[in-house]
């Protein structure tokens, strides 16, 4: 399966991209990925869908933080 294979699961694409970066650069990469993904989702599905996705992501981060 190639990196550009549209049937490749998203988690494999992200995992491969993370392996290519140094540990110090991975956080920035993920923040940029989330921002670009949200912008793309806004264009594809509209602001409401993008806002819902952002809300769920923020809620998941907050829940994770409360558990620690």
C-alpha atoms as a PDB file:
ATOM      1  CA  UNK A   1       0.000   0.000   0.000  1.00  0.00           C
ATOM      2  CA  UNK A   2       1.484   3.335  -0.992  1.00  0.00           C
ATOM      3  CA  UNK A   3       1.347   6.565   0.994  1.00  0.00           C
ATOM      4  CA  UNK A   4      -1.059   7.982  -1.577  1.00  0.00           C
ATOM      5  CA  UNK A   5      -3.348   4.935  -1.623  1.00  0.00           C
ATOM      6  CA  UNK A   6      -6.851   6.288  -0.870  1.00  0.00           C
ATOM      7  CA  UNK A   7      -7.779   3.020   0.855  1.00  0.00           C
ATOM      8  CA  UNK A   8      -4.918   3.283   3.352  1.00  0.00           C
ATOM      9  CA  UNK A   9      -6.327   3.861   6.847  1.00  0.00           C
ATOM     10  CA  UNK A  10      -5.765   7.364   8.197  1.00  0.00           C
ATOM     11  CA  UNK A  11      -4.017   6.075  11.322  1.00  0.00           C
ATOM     12  CA  UNK A  12      -1.393   4.365   9.139  1.00  0.00           C
ATOM     13  CA  UNK A  13      -0.766   7.560   7.171  1.00  0.00           C
ATOM     14  CA  UNK A  14      -0.344   9.598  10.365  1.00  0.00           C
ATOM     15  CA  UNK A  15       1.805   6.936  12.057  1.00  0.00           C
ATOM     16  CA  UNK A  16       4.119   6.822   9.041  1.00  0.00           C
ATOM     17  CA  UNK A  17       4.391  10.618   8.983  1.00  0.00           C
ATOM     18  CA  UNK A  18       5.191  10.674  12.705  1.00  0.00           C
ATOM     19  CA  UNK A  19       7.928   8.058  12.293  1.00  0.00           C
ATOM     20  CA  UNK A  20       9.599  10.334   9.730  1.00  0.00           C
ATOM     21  CA  UNK A  21       9.850  13.203  12.246  1.00  0.00           C
ATOM     22  CA  UNK A  22      11.993  13.613  15.309  1.00  0.00           C
ATOM     23  CA  UNK A  23      10.183  13.374  18.655  1.00  0.00           C
ATOM     24  CA  UNK A  24      10.646  17.126  19.160  1.00  0.00           C
ATOM     25  CA  UNK A  25       8.785  17.891  15.900  1.00  0.00           C
ATOM     26  CA  UNK A  26       5.852  15.512  16.313  1.00  0.00           C
ATOM     27  CA  UNK A  27       3.655  17.768  18.449  1.00  0.00           C
ATOM     28  CA  UNK A  28       3.898  20.651  15.995  1.00  0.00           C
ATOM     29  CA  UNK A  29       3.147  18.281  13.120  1.00  0.00           C
ATOM     30  CA  UNK A  30       0.009  16.988  14.848  1.00  0.00           C
ATOM     31  CA  UNK A  31      -1.206  20.511  15.683  1.00  0.00           C
ATOM     32  CA  UNK A  32      -0.706  21.554  12.063  1.00  0.00           C
ATOM     33  CA  UNK A  33      -2.420  18.391  10.852  1.00  0.00           C
ATOM     34  CA  UNK A  34      -5.456  19.087  13.040  1.00  0.00           C
ATOM     35  CA  UNK A  35      -5.669  22.678  11.807  1.00  0.00           C
ATOM     36  CA  UNK A  36      -5.441  21.649   8.156  1.00  0.00           C
ATOM     37  CA  UNK A  37      -7.892  18.800   8.641  1.00  0.00           C
ATOM     38  CA  UNK A  38     -10.396  21.144  10.268  1.00  0.00           C
ATOM     39  CA  UNK A  39     -10.000  23.643   7.416  1.00  0.00           C
ATOM     40  CA  UNK A  40     -10.546  20.869   4.895  1.00  0.00           C
ATOM     41  CA  UNK A  41     -13.580  19.585   6.752  1.00  0.00           C
ATOM     42  CA  UNK A  42     -15.005  23.100   6.744  1.00  0.00           C
ATOM     43  CA  UNK A  43     -14.670  23.249   2.970  1.00  0.00           C
ATOM     44  CA  UNK A  44     -16.042  19.745   2.397  1.00  0.00           C
ATOM     45  CA  UNK A  45     -18.839  19.520   4.946  1.00  0.00           C
ATOM     46  CA  UNK A  46     -19.386  23.047   6.202  1.00  0.00           C
ATOM     47  CA  UNK A  47     -18.731  25.026   9.334  1.00  0.00           C
ATOM     48  CA  UNK A  48     -21.263  23.158  11.470  1.00  0.00           C
ATOM     49  CA  UNK A  49     -19.621  19.772  10.863  1.00  0.00           C
ATOM     50  CA  UNK A  50     -16.170  21.244  11.405  1.00  0.00           C
ATOM     51  CA  UNK A  51     -17.267  22.954  14.615  1.00  0.00           C
ATOM     52  CA  UNK A  52     -18.747  19.704  15.914  1.00  0.00           C
ATOM     53  CA  UNK A  53     -15.510  17.858  15.153  1.00  0.00           C
ATOM     54  CA  UNK A  54     -13.448  20.548  16.892  1.00  0.00           C
ATOM     55  CA  UNK A  55     -15.766  20.459  19.895  1.00  0.00           C
ATOM     56  CA  UNK A  56     -15.477  16.664  20.178  1.00  0.00           C
ATOM     57  CA  UNK A  57     -11.715  16.841  19.910  1.00  0.00           C
ATOM     58  CA  UNK A  58     -11.487  19.511  22.598  1.00  0.00           C
ATOM     59  CA  UNK A  59     -13.884  17.569  24.815  1.00  0.00           C
ATOM     60  CA  UNK A  60     -11.799  14.401  24.429  1.00  0.00           C
ATOM     61  CA  UNK A  61      -8.659  16.329  25.378  1.00  0.00           C
ATOM     62  CA  UNK A  62     -10.394  17.854  28.404  1.00  0.00           C
ATOM     63  CA  UNK A  63     -11.702  14.460  29.553  1.00  0.00           C
ATOM     64  CA  UNK A  64      -8.255  12.952  29.189  1.00  0.00           C
ATOM     65  CA  UNK A  65      -6.758  15.785  31.205  1.00  0.00           C
ATOM     66  CA  UNK A  66      -9.304  15.376  34.008  1.00  0.00           C
ATOM     67  CA  UNK A  67      -8.454  11.679  34.370  1.00  0.00           C
ATOM     68  CA  UNK A  68      -4.763  12.335  35.006  1.00  0.00           C
END
